């Protein structure tokens, strides 16, 4: 994740996200969790926020196009295991963005 974009497990931004805490999910079912993205910059917005899908069974919904300085937004991370998956139902979130200075 870009240095000014941080992810948290809770709305109060007190629990930094270290891994995606999915519950046990059977093939054919899905689990979603809400996490909070926060722009830590004091004055600049974060632009071009994209999810780099590192696991085919994990998708992200609700990414903003712009996250203003000190702004936080909830996003949903969805886990839908496929027949081909052999990975545990947890992982890391790979999100890229750029700090817009100017």
PDB file of N, CA and C in Angstrom:
ATOM      1  N   UNK A   1       0.836  -1.168   0.000  1.00  0.00           N
ATOM      2  CA  UNK A   1       0.000   0.000   0.000  1.00  0.00           C
ATOM      3  C   UNK A   1       0.892   1.245   0.000  1.00  0.00           C
ATOM      4  N   UNK A   2       0.432   2.268  -0.678  1.00  0.00           N
ATOM      5  CA  UNK A   2       1.190   3.515  -0.723  1.00  0.00           C
ATOM      6  C   UNK A   2       1.389   4.049   0.688  1.00  0.00           C
ATOM      7  N   UNK A   3       2.446   4.812   0.880  1.00  0.00           N
ATOM      8  CA  UNK A   3       2.819   5.227   2.235  1.00  0.00           C
ATOM      9  C   UNK A   3       1.773   6.102   2.927  1.00  0.00           C
ATOM     10  N   UNK A   4       0.949   6.828   2.191  1.00  0.00           N
ATOM     11  CA  UNK A   4      -0.061   7.685   2.821  1.00  0.00           C
ATOM     12  C   UNK A   4      -1.442   7.035   2.872  1.00  0.00           C
ATOM     13  N   UNK A   5      -1.552   5.836   2.384  1.00  0.00           N
ATOM     14  CA  UNK A   5      -2.815   5.114   2.405  1.00  0.00           C
ATOM     15  C   UNK A   5      -2.671   3.929   3.351  1.00  0.00           C
ATOM     16  N   UNK A   6      -3.469   3.919   4.400  1.00  0.00           N
ATOM     17  CA  UNK A   6      -3.403   2.872   5.423  1.00  0.00           C
ATOM     18  C   UNK A   6      -4.758   2.183   5.523  1.00  0.00           C
ATOM     19  N   UNK A   7      -4.740   0.911   5.886  1.00  0.00           N
ATOM     20  CA  UNK A   7      -5.971   0.137   6.058  1.00  0.00           C
ATOM     21  C   UNK A   7      -6.133  -0.237   7.528  1.00  0.00           C
ATOM     22  N   UNK A   8      -7.374  -0.183   7.992  1.00  0.00           N
ATOM     23  CA  UNK A   8      -7.690  -0.476   9.388  1.00  0.00           C
ATOM     24  C   UNK A   8      -8.871  -1.441   9.459  1.00  0.00           C
ATOM     25  N   UNK A   9      -8.923  -2.208  10.535  1.00  0.00           N
ATOM     26  CA  UNK A   9     -10.021  -3.149  10.760  1.00  0.00           C
ATOM     27  C   UNK A   9     -11.265  -2.465  11.304  1.00  0.00           C
ATOM     28  N   UNK A  10     -11.105  -1.277  11.896  1.00  0.00           N
ATOM     29  CA  UNK A  10     -12.218  -0.631  12.587  1.00  0.00           C
ATOM     30  C   UNK A  10     -12.386   0.823  12.158  1.00  0.00           C
ATOM     31  N   UNK A  11     -13.611   1.313  12.314  1.00  0.00           N
ATOM     32  CA  UNK A  11     -13.953   2.679  11.910  1.00  0.00           C
ATOM     33  C   UNK A  11     -13.176   3.738  12.696  1.00  0.00           C
ATOM     34  N   UNK A  12     -12.822   3.431  13.943  1.00  0.00           N
ATOM     35  CA  UNK A  12     -12.083   4.395  14.764  1.00  0.00           C
ATOM     36  C   UNK A  12     -10.592   4.446  14.411  1.00  0.00           C
ATOM     37  N   UNK A  13     -10.170   3.614  13.465  1.00  0.00           N
ATOM     38  CA  UNK A  13      -8.780   3.581  12.975  1.00  0.00           C
ATOM     39  C   UNK A  13      -7.778   3.246  14.076  1.00  0.00           C
ATOM     40  N   UNK A  14      -8.177   2.389  14.991  1.00  0.00           N
ATOM     41  CA  UNK A  14      -7.280   2.019  16.088  1.00  0.00           C
ATOM     42  C   UNK A  14      -6.607   0.662  15.875  1.00  0.00           C
ATOM     43  N   UNK A  15      -7.128  -0.149  14.938  1.00  0.00           N
ATOM     44  CA  UNK A  15      -6.586  -1.483  14.679  1.00  0.00           C
ATOM     45  C   UNK A  15      -6.055  -1.566  13.250  1.00  0.00           C
ATOM     46  N   UNK A  16      -4.740  -1.331  13.046  1.00  0.00           N
ATOM     47  CA  UNK A  16      -4.186  -1.450  11.696  1.00  0.00           C
ATOM     48  C   UNK A  16      -4.418  -2.855  11.133  1.00  0.00           C
ATOM     49  N   UNK A  17      -4.734  -2.921   9.850  1.00  0.00           N
ATOM     50  CA  UNK A  17      -4.979  -4.200   9.198  1.00  0.00           C
ATOM     51  C   UNK A  17      -3.654  -4.877   8.905  1.00  0.00           C
ATOM     52  N   UNK A  18      -3.479  -6.080   9.433  1.00  0.00           N
ATOM     53  CA  UNK A  18      -2.254  -6.842   9.185  1.00  0.00           C
ATOM     54  C   UNK A  18      -2.509  -7.980   8.212  1.00  0.00           C
ATOM     55  N   UNK A  19      -3.722  -8.526   8.231  1.00  0.00           N
ATOM     56  CA  UNK A  19      -4.129  -9.567   7.295  1.00  0.00           C
ATOM     57  C   UNK A  19      -5.647  -9.495   7.166  1.00  0.00           C
ATOM     58  N   UNK A  20      -6.159 -10.124   6.160  1.00  0.00           N
ATOM     59  CA  UNK A  20      -7.605 -10.129   5.960  1.00  0.00           C
ATOM     60  C   UNK A  20      -8.208 -11.228   6.824  1.00  0.00           C
ATOM     61  N   UNK A  21      -8.990 -10.870   7.834  1.00  0.00           N
ATOM     62  CA  UNK A  21      -9.501 -11.859   8.789  1.00  0.00           C
ATOM     63  C   UNK A  21     -10.794 -12.535   8.333  1.00  0.00           C
ATOM     64  N   UNK A  22     -10.733 -13.275   7.222  1.00  0.00           N
ATOM     65  CA  UNK A  22     -11.917 -13.980   6.740  1.00  0.00           C
ATOM     66  C   UNK A  22     -12.238 -15.155   7.654  1.00  0.00           C
ATOM     67  N   UNK A  23     -13.517 -15.412   7.818  1.00  0.00           N
ATOM     68  CA  UNK A  23     -13.938 -16.604   8.547  1.00  0.00           C
ATOM     69  C   UNK A  23     -13.856 -17.799   7.602  1.00  0.00           C
ATOM     70  N   UNK A  24     -14.000 -18.987   8.148  1.00  0.00           N
ATOM     71  CA  UNK A  24     -13.992 -20.190   7.314  1.00  0.00           C
ATOM     72  C   UNK A  24     -15.141 -20.092   6.313  1.00  0.00           C
ATOM     73  N   UNK A  25     -14.803 -20.272   5.041  1.00  0.00           N
ATOM     74  CA  UNK A  25     -15.788 -20.118   3.979  1.00  0.00           C
ATOM     75  C   UNK A  25     -15.747 -21.344   3.082  1.00  0.00           C
ATOM     76  N   UNK A  26     -16.882 -21.983   2.909  1.00  0.00           N
ATOM     77  CA  UNK A  26     -16.981 -23.176   2.076  1.00  0.00           C
ATOM     78  C   UNK A  26     -17.011 -22.789   0.598  1.00  0.00           C
ATOM     79  N   UNK A  27     -16.544 -23.680  -0.250  1.00  0.00           N
ATOM     80  CA  UNK A  27     -16.608 -23.478  -1.693  1.00  0.00           C
ATOM     81  C   UNK A  27     -18.074 -23.312  -2.087  1.00  0.00           C
ATOM     82  N   UNK A  28     -18.355 -22.295  -2.885  1.00  0.00           N
ATOM     83  CA  UNK A  28     -19.720 -21.988  -3.286  1.00  0.00           C
ATOM     84  C   UNK A  28     -20.356 -20.885  -2.446  1.00  0.00           C
ATOM     85  N   UNK A  29     -19.781 -20.620  -1.269  1.00  0.00           N
ATOM     86  CA  UNK A  29     -20.253 -19.530  -0.414  1.00  0.00           C
ATOM     87  C   UNK A  29     -19.298 -18.353  -0.553  1.00  0.00           C
ATOM     88  N   UNK A  30     -19.618 -17.268   0.099  1.00  0.00           N
ATOM     89  CA  UNK A  30     -18.725 -16.118   0.112  1.00  0.00           C
ATOM     90  C   UNK A  30     -18.762 -15.454   1.485  1.00  0.00           C
ATOM     91  N   UNK A  31     -17.698 -14.765   1.791  1.00  0.00           N
ATOM     92  CA  UNK A  31     -17.583 -14.006   3.028  1.00  0.00           C
ATOM     93  C   UNK A  31     -17.077 -12.624   2.664  1.00  0.00           C
ATOM     94  N   UNK A  32     -17.665 -11.597   3.264  1.00  0.00           N
ATOM     95  CA  UNK A  32     -17.113 -10.262   3.043  1.00  0.00           C
ATOM     96  C   UNK A  32     -16.830  -9.612   4.394  1.00  0.00           C
ATOM     97  N   UNK A  33     -15.830  -8.761   4.374  1.00  0.00           N
ATOM     98  CA  UNK A  33     -15.473  -7.991   5.558  1.00  0.00           C
ATOM     99  C   UNK A  33     -15.387  -6.525   5.153  1.00  0.00           C
ATOM    100  N   UNK A  34     -15.671  -5.664   6.091  1.00  0.00           N
ATOM    101  CA  UNK A  34     -15.515  -4.234   5.865  1.00  0.00           C
ATOM    102  C   UNK A  34     -14.229  -3.791   6.530  1.00  0.00           C
ATOM    103  N   UNK A  35     -13.422  -3.081   5.756  1.00  0.00           N
ATOM    104  CA  UNK A  35     -12.213  -2.472   6.309  1.00  0.00           C
ATOM    105  C   UNK A  35     -12.272  -0.979   5.972  1.00  0.00           C
ATOM    106  N   UNK A  36     -11.368  -0.221   6.546  1.00  0.00           N
ATOM    107  CA  UNK A  36     -11.387   1.230   6.387  1.00  0.00           C
ATOM    108  C   UNK A  36     -10.060   1.703   5.825  1.00  0.00           C
ATOM    109  N   UNK A  37     -10.125   2.405   4.686  1.00  0.00           N
ATOM    110  CA  UNK A  37      -8.937   3.028   4.106  1.00  0.00           C
ATOM    111  C   UNK A  37      -8.853   4.451   4.620  1.00  0.00           C
ATOM    112  N   UNK A  38      -7.643   4.866   4.956  1.00  0.00           N
ATOM    113  CA  UNK A  38      -7.439   6.199   5.516  1.00  0.00           C
ATOM    114  C   UNK A  38      -6.246   6.860   4.846  1.00  0.00           C
ATOM    115  N   UNK A  39      -6.436   8.092   4.409  1.00  0.00           N
ATOM    116  CA  UNK A  39      -5.355   8.897   3.859  1.00  0.00           C
ATOM    117  C   UNK A  39      -4.703   9.639   5.022  1.00  0.00           C
ATOM    118  N   UNK A  40      -3.462   9.330   5.331  1.00  0.00           N
ATOM    119  CA  UNK A  40      -2.766   9.937   6.470  1.00  0.00           C
ATOM    120  C   UNK A  40      -2.147  11.290   6.153  1.00  0.00           C
ATOM    121  N   UNK A  41      -2.161  11.693   4.886  1.00  0.00           N
ATOM    122  CA  UNK A  41      -1.574  12.981   4.516  1.00  0.00           C
ATOM    123  C   UNK A  41      -2.335  14.133   5.166  1.00  0.00           C
ATOM    124  N   UNK A  42      -1.603  15.109   5.624  1.00  0.00           N
ATOM    125  CA  UNK A  42      -2.203  16.291   6.251  1.00  0.00           C
ATOM    126  C   UNK A  42      -2.846  17.238   5.231  1.00  0.00           C
ATOM    127  N   UNK A  43      -2.352  17.239   3.962  1.00  0.00           N
ATOM    128  CA  UNK A  43      -2.895  18.203   3.013  1.00  0.00           C
ATOM    129  C   UNK A  43      -3.153  17.708   1.595  1.00  0.00           C
ATOM    130  N   UNK A  44      -2.693  16.510   1.230  1.00  0.00           N
ATOM    131  CA  UNK A  44      -2.810  16.101  -0.160  1.00  0.00           C
ATOM    132  C   UNK A  44      -3.745  14.900  -0.331  1.00  0.00           C
ATOM    133  N   UNK A  45      -4.496  14.898  -1.436  1.00  0.00           N
ATOM    134  CA  UNK A  45      -5.362  13.744  -1.712  1.00  0.00           C
ATOM    135  C   UNK A  45      -4.573  12.565  -2.281  1.00  0.00           C
ATOM    136  N   UNK A  46      -5.141  11.385  -2.152  1.00  0.00           N
ATOM    137  CA  UNK A  46      -4.602  10.180  -2.781  1.00  0.00           C
ATOM    138  C   UNK A  46      -5.498   9.878  -3.981  1.00  0.00           C
ATOM    139  N   UNK A  47      -4.855   9.637  -5.132  1.00  0.00           N
ATOM    140  CA  UNK A  47      -5.573   9.389  -6.388  1.00  0.00           C
ATOM    141  C   UNK A  47      -5.229   8.013  -6.944  1.00  0.00           C
ATOM    142  N   UNK A  48      -5.943   7.626  -7.964  1.00  0.00           N
ATOM    143  CA  UNK A  48      -5.665   6.392  -8.707  1.00  0.00           C
ATOM    144  C   UNK A  48      -5.531   5.182  -7.792  1.00  0.00           C
ATOM    145  N   UNK A  49      -6.515   4.991  -6.947  1.00  0.00           N
ATOM    146  CA  UNK A  49      -6.512   3.882  -5.996  1.00  0.00           C
ATOM    147  C   UNK A  49      -7.016   2.631  -6.720  1.00  0.00           C
ATOM    148  N   UNK A  50      -6.187   1.604  -6.772  1.00  0.00           N
ATOM    149  CA  UNK A  50      -6.548   0.369  -7.462  1.00  0.00           C
ATOM    150  C   UNK A  50      -6.159  -0.838  -6.619  1.00  0.00           C
ATOM    151  N   UNK A  51      -6.943  -1.896  -6.751  1.00  0.00           N
ATOM    152  CA  UNK A  51      -6.653  -3.160  -6.087  1.00  0.00           C
ATOM    153  C   UNK A  51      -5.888  -4.045  -7.062  1.00  0.00           C
ATOM    154  N   UNK A  52      -4.694  -4.475  -6.678  1.00  0.00           N
ATOM    155  CA  UNK A  52      -3.924  -5.437  -7.450  1.00  0.00           C
ATOM    156  C   UNK A  52      -4.350  -6.819  -6.972  1.00  0.00           C
ATOM    157  N   UNK A  53      -5.114  -7.493  -7.766  1.00  0.00           N
ATOM    158  CA  UNK A  53      -5.693  -8.762  -7.348  1.00  0.00           C
ATOM    159  C   UNK A  53      -4.605  -9.831  -7.302  1.00  0.00           C
ATOM    160  N   UNK A  54      -4.129 -10.124  -6.086  1.00  0.00           N
ATOM    161  CA  UNK A  54      -3.072 -11.107  -5.901  1.00  0.00           C
ATOM    162  C   UNK A  54      -3.616 -12.510  -5.658  1.00  0.00           C
ATOM    163  N   UNK A  55      -4.909 -12.623  -5.400  1.00  0.00           N
ATOM    164  CA  UNK A  55      -5.556 -13.911  -5.204  1.00  0.00           C
ATOM    165  C   UNK A  55      -6.846 -13.905  -6.013  1.00  0.00           C
ATOM    166  N   UNK A  56      -7.061 -14.891  -6.877  1.00  0.00           N
ATOM    167  CA  UNK A  56      -8.229 -14.857  -7.757  1.00  0.00           C
ATOM    168  C   UNK A  56      -9.573 -14.936  -7.031  1.00  0.00           C
ATOM    169  N   UNK A  57      -9.576 -15.360  -5.784  1.00  0.00           N
ATOM    170  CA  UNK A  57     -10.831 -15.512  -5.045  1.00  0.00           C
ATOM    171  C   UNK A  57     -11.166 -14.303  -4.175  1.00  0.00           C
ATOM    172  N   UNK A  58     -10.323 -13.254  -4.220  1.00  0.00           N
ATOM    173  CA  UNK A  58     -10.527 -12.064  -3.386  1.00  0.00           C
ATOM    174  C   UNK A  58     -10.758 -10.856  -4.283  1.00  0.00           C
ATOM    175  N   UNK A  59     -11.879 -10.149  -4.059  1.00  0.00           N
ATOM    176  CA  UNK A  59     -12.163  -8.924  -4.791  1.00  0.00           C
ATOM    177  C   UNK A  59     -12.475  -7.801  -3.805  1.00  0.00           C
ATOM    178  N   UNK A  60     -12.338  -6.574  -4.280  1.00  0.00           N
ATOM    179  CA  UNK A  60     -12.586  -5.396  -3.451  1.00  0.00           C
ATOM    180  C   UNK A  60     -13.693  -4.574  -4.085  1.00  0.00           C
ATOM    181  N   UNK A  61     -14.626  -4.125  -3.256  1.00  0.00           N
ATOM    182  CA  UNK A  61     -15.735  -3.304  -3.736  1.00  0.00           C
ATOM    183  C   UNK A  61     -15.741  -1.978  -3.001  1.00  0.00           C
ATOM    184  N   UNK A  62     -16.018  -0.906  -3.730  1.00  0.00           N
ATOM    185  CA  UNK A  62     -16.177   0.404  -3.108  1.00  0.00           C
ATOM    186  C   UNK A  62     -14.922   1.228  -2.987  1.00  0.00           C
ATOM    187  N   UNK A  63     -13.882   0.904  -3.765  1.00  0.00           N
ATOM    188  CA  UNK A  63     -12.687   1.749  -3.718  1.00  0.00           C
ATOM    189  C   UNK A  63     -13.017   3.132  -4.273  1.00  0.00           C
ATOM    190  N   UNK A  64     -12.639   4.178  -3.558  1.00  0.00           N
ATOM    191  CA  UNK A  64     -12.901   5.529  -4.068  1.00  0.00           C
ATOM    192  C   UNK A  64     -11.906   5.894  -5.161  1.00  0.00           C
ATOM    193  N   UNK A  65     -12.264   6.838  -5.996  1.00  0.00           N
ATOM    194  CA  UNK A  65     -11.327   7.341  -6.998  1.00  0.00           C
ATOM    195  C   UNK A  65     -10.343   8.309  -6.363  1.00  0.00           C
ATOM    196  N   UNK A  66     -10.832   9.069  -5.384  1.00  0.00           N
ATOM    197  CA  UNK A  66     -10.004  10.055  -4.677  1.00  0.00           C
ATOM    198  C   UNK A  66     -10.280   9.913  -3.186  1.00  0.00           C
ATOM    199  N   UNK A  67      -9.235   9.996  -2.402  1.00  0.00           N
ATOM    200  CA  UNK A  67      -9.381  10.012  -0.952  1.00  0.00           C
ATOM    201  C   UNK A  67      -8.677  11.276  -0.465  1.00  0.00           C
ATOM    202  N   UNK A  68      -9.458  12.254  -0.002  1.00  0.00           N
ATOM    203  CA  UNK A  68      -8.902  13.538   0.413  1.00  0.00           C
ATOM    204  C   UNK A  68      -8.037  13.407   1.662  1.00  0.00           C
ATOM    205  N   UNK A  69      -7.279  14.442   1.950  1.00  0.00           N
ATOM    206  CA  UNK A  69      -6.400  14.461   3.123  1.00  0.00           C
ATOM    207  C   UNK A  69      -7.192  14.132   4.382  1.00  0.00           C
ATOM    208  N   UNK A  70      -6.672  13.217   5.183  1.00  0.00           N
ATOM    209  CA  UNK A  70      -7.249  12.792   6.467  1.00  0.00           C
ATOM    210  C   UNK A  70      -8.626  12.136   6.342  1.00  0.00           C
ATOM    211  N   UNK A  71      -9.046  11.798   5.145  1.00  0.00           N
ATOM    212  CA  UNK A  71     -10.354  11.167   4.932  1.00  0.00           C
ATOM    213  C   UNK A  71     -10.239   9.652   5.069  1.00  0.00           C
ATOM    214  N   UNK A  72     -11.308   9.029   5.560  1.00  0.00           N
ATOM    215  CA  UNK A  72     -11.408   7.578   5.671  1.00  0.00           C
ATOM    216  C   UNK A  72     -12.686   7.122   4.987  1.00  0.00           C
ATOM    217  N   UNK A  73     -12.638   5.921   4.379  1.00  0.00           N
ATOM    218  CA  UNK A  73     -13.824   5.348   3.750  1.00  0.00           C
ATOM    219  C   UNK A  73     -13.874   3.850   4.034  1.00  0.00           C
ATOM    220  N   UNK A  74     -15.095   3.323   4.193  1.00  0.00           N
ATOM    221  CA  UNK A  74     -15.214   1.871   4.316  1.00  0.00           C
ATOM    222  C   UNK A  74     -15.200   1.231   2.928  1.00  0.00           C
ATOM    223  N   UNK A  75     -14.572   0.075   2.810  1.00  0.00           N
ATOM    224  CA  UNK A  75     -14.621  -0.717   1.580  1.00  0.00           C
ATOM    225  C   UNK A  75     -14.931  -2.156   1.975  1.00  0.00           C
ATOM    226  N   UNK A  76     -15.458  -2.915   1.042  1.00  0.00           N
ATOM    227  CA  UNK A  76     -15.762  -4.332   1.279  1.00  0.00           C
ATOM    228  C   UNK A  76     -14.741  -5.186   0.547  1.00  0.00           C
ATOM    229  N   UNK A  77     -14.252  -6.195   1.250  1.00  0.00           N
ATOM    230  CA  UNK A  77     -13.356  -7.176   0.655  1.00  0.00           C
ATOM    231  C   UNK A  77     -14.118  -8.498   0.667  1.00  0.00           C
ATOM    232  N   UNK A  78     -14.272  -9.092  -0.510  1.00  0.00           N
ATOM    233  CA  UNK A  78     -15.080 -10.287  -0.683  1.00  0.00           C
ATOM    234  C   UNK A  78     -14.193 -11.493  -0.977  1.00  0.00           C
ATOM    235  N   UNK A  79     -14.430 -12.573  -0.249  1.00  0.00           N
ATOM    236  CA  UNK A  79     -13.718 -13.836  -0.474  1.00  0.00           C
ATOM    237  C   UNK A  79     -14.723 -14.873  -0.936  1.00  0.00           C
ATOM    238  N   UNK A  80     -14.509 -15.407  -2.134  1.00  0.00           N
ATOM    239  CA  UNK A  80     -15.376 -16.438  -2.699  1.00  0.00           C
ATOM    240  C   UNK A  80     -14.468 -17.568  -3.191  1.00  0.00           C
ATOM    241  N   UNK A  81     -14.241 -18.593  -2.352  1.00  0.00           N
ATOM    242  CA  UNK A  81     -13.312 -19.660  -2.745  1.00  0.00           C
ATOM    243  C   UNK A  81     -13.833 -20.460  -3.933  1.00  0.00           C
ATOM    244  N   UNK A  82     -12.925 -20.768  -4.837  1.00  0.00           N
ATOM    245  CA  UNK A  82     -13.271 -21.566  -6.010  1.00  0.00           C
ATOM    246  C   UNK A  82     -12.824 -23.011  -5.790  1.00  0.00           C
ATOM    247  N   UNK A  83     -13.214 -23.870  -6.697  1.00  0.00           N
ATOM    248  CA  UNK A  83     -12.809 -25.279  -6.603  1.00  0.00           C
ATOM    249  C   UNK A  83     -11.297 -25.445  -6.690  1.00  0.00           C
ATOM    250  N   UNK A  84     -10.634 -24.496  -7.327  1.00  0.00           N
ATOM    251  CA  UNK A  84      -9.190 -24.617  -7.541  1.00  0.00           C
ATOM    252  C   UNK A  84      -8.355 -24.056  -6.402  1.00  0.00           C
ATOM    253  N   UNK A  85      -8.975 -23.468  -5.406  1.00  0.00           N
ATOM    254  CA  UNK A  85      -8.210 -22.833  -4.355  1.00  0.00           C
ATOM    255  C   UNK A  85      -7.635 -23.864  -3.389  1.00  0.00           C
ATOM    256  N   UNK A  86      -6.408 -23.623  -2.989  1.00  0.00           N
ATOM    257  CA  UNK A  86      -5.811 -24.442  -1.936  1.00  0.00           C
ATOM    258  C   UNK A  86      -5.155 -23.541  -0.892  1.00  0.00           C
ATOM    259  N   UNK A  87      -5.438 -22.250  -0.991  1.00  0.00           N
ATOM    260  CA  UNK A  87      -4.892 -21.280  -0.048  1.00  0.00           C
ATOM    261  C   UNK A  87      -5.834 -21.109   1.138  1.00  0.00           C
ATOM    262  N   UNK A  88      -5.291 -20.788   2.311  1.00  0.00           N
ATOM    263  CA  UNK A  88      -6.159 -20.516   3.452  1.00  0.00           C
ATOM    264  C   UNK A  88      -6.978 -19.247   3.209  1.00  0.00           C
ATOM    265  N   UNK A  89      -8.055 -19.098   3.932  1.00  0.00           N
ATOM    266  CA  UNK A  89      -8.944 -17.958   3.730  1.00  0.00           C
ATOM    267  C   UNK A  89      -8.476 -16.720   4.498  1.00  0.00           C
ATOM    268  N   UNK A  90      -7.245 -16.376   4.326  1.00  0.00           N
ATOM    269  CA  UNK A  90      -6.711 -15.125   4.853  1.00  0.00           C
ATOM    270  C   UNK A  90      -5.603 -14.689   3.902  1.00  0.00           C
ATOM    271  N   UNK A  91      -5.238 -13.467   3.966  1.00  0.00           N
ATOM    272  CA  UNK A  91      -4.193 -12.992   3.073  1.00  0.00           C
ATOM    273  C   UNK A  91      -3.954 -11.519   3.262  1.00  0.00           C
ATOM    274  N   UNK A  92      -3.218 -10.958   2.335  1.00  0.00           N
ATOM    275  CA  UNK A  92      -2.864  -9.551   2.401  1.00  0.00           C
ATOM    276  C   UNK A  92      -3.591  -8.787   1.308  1.00  0.00           C
ATOM    277  N   UNK A  93      -3.760  -7.520   1.523  1.00  0.00           N
ATOM    278  CA  UNK A  93      -4.449  -6.654   0.578  1.00  0.00           C
ATOM    279  C   UNK A  93      -3.411  -5.801  -0.138  1.00  0.00           C
ATOM    280  N   UNK A  94      -3.382  -5.880  -1.454  1.00  0.00           N
ATOM    281  CA  UNK A  94      -2.420  -5.128  -2.261  1.00  0.00           C
ATOM    282  C   UNK A  94      -3.160  -4.023  -3.001  1.00  0.00           C
ATOM    283  N   UNK A  95      -3.012  -2.792  -2.504  1.00  0.00           N
ATOM    284  CA  UNK A  95      -3.665  -1.631  -3.107  1.00  0.00           C
ATOM    285  C   UNK A  95      -2.602  -0.608  -3.454  1.00  0.00           C
ATOM    286  N   UNK A  96      -2.656  -0.112  -4.675  1.00  0.00           N
ATOM    287  CA  UNK A  96      -1.740   0.939  -5.125  1.00  0.00           C
ATOM    288  C   UNK A  96      -2.502   2.256  -5.219  1.00  0.00           C
ATOM    289  N   UNK A  97      -1.751   3.341  -5.084  1.00  0.00           N
ATOM    290  CA  UNK A  97      -2.322   4.674  -5.246  1.00  0.00           C
ATOM    291  C   UNK A  97      -1.175   5.646  -5.427  1.00  0.00           C
ATOM    292  N   UNK A  98      -1.520   6.896  -5.664  1.00  0.00           N
ATOM    293  CA  UNK A  98      -0.474   7.925  -5.751  1.00  0.00           C
ATOM    294  C   UNK A  98      -0.920   9.156  -4.986  1.00  0.00           C
ATOM    295  N   UNK A  99       0.008   9.761  -4.283  1.00  0.00           N
ATOM    296  CA  UNK A  99      -0.246  10.979  -3.561  1.00  0.00           C
ATOM    297  C   UNK A  99      -0.179  12.135  -4.537  1.00  0.00           C
ATOM    298  N   UNK A 100      -1.238  12.935  -4.605  1.00  0.00           N
ATOM    299  CA  UNK A 100      -1.273  14.071  -5.531  1.00  0.00           C
ATOM    300  C   UNK A 100      -0.794  15.315  -4.796  1.00  0.00           C
ATOM    301  N   UNK A 101       0.399  15.770  -5.134  1.00  0.00           N
ATOM    302  CA  UNK A 101       0.965  16.967  -4.506  1.00  0.00           C
ATOM    303  C   UNK A 101       0.858  18.115  -5.491  1.00  0.00           C
ATOM    304  N   UNK A 102       0.184  19.146  -5.068  1.00  0.00           N
ATOM    305  CA  UNK A 102       0.068  20.307  -5.928  1.00  0.00           C
ATOM    306  C   UNK A 102      -1.308  20.901  -5.930  1.00  0.00           C
TER     307      UNK A 102
END
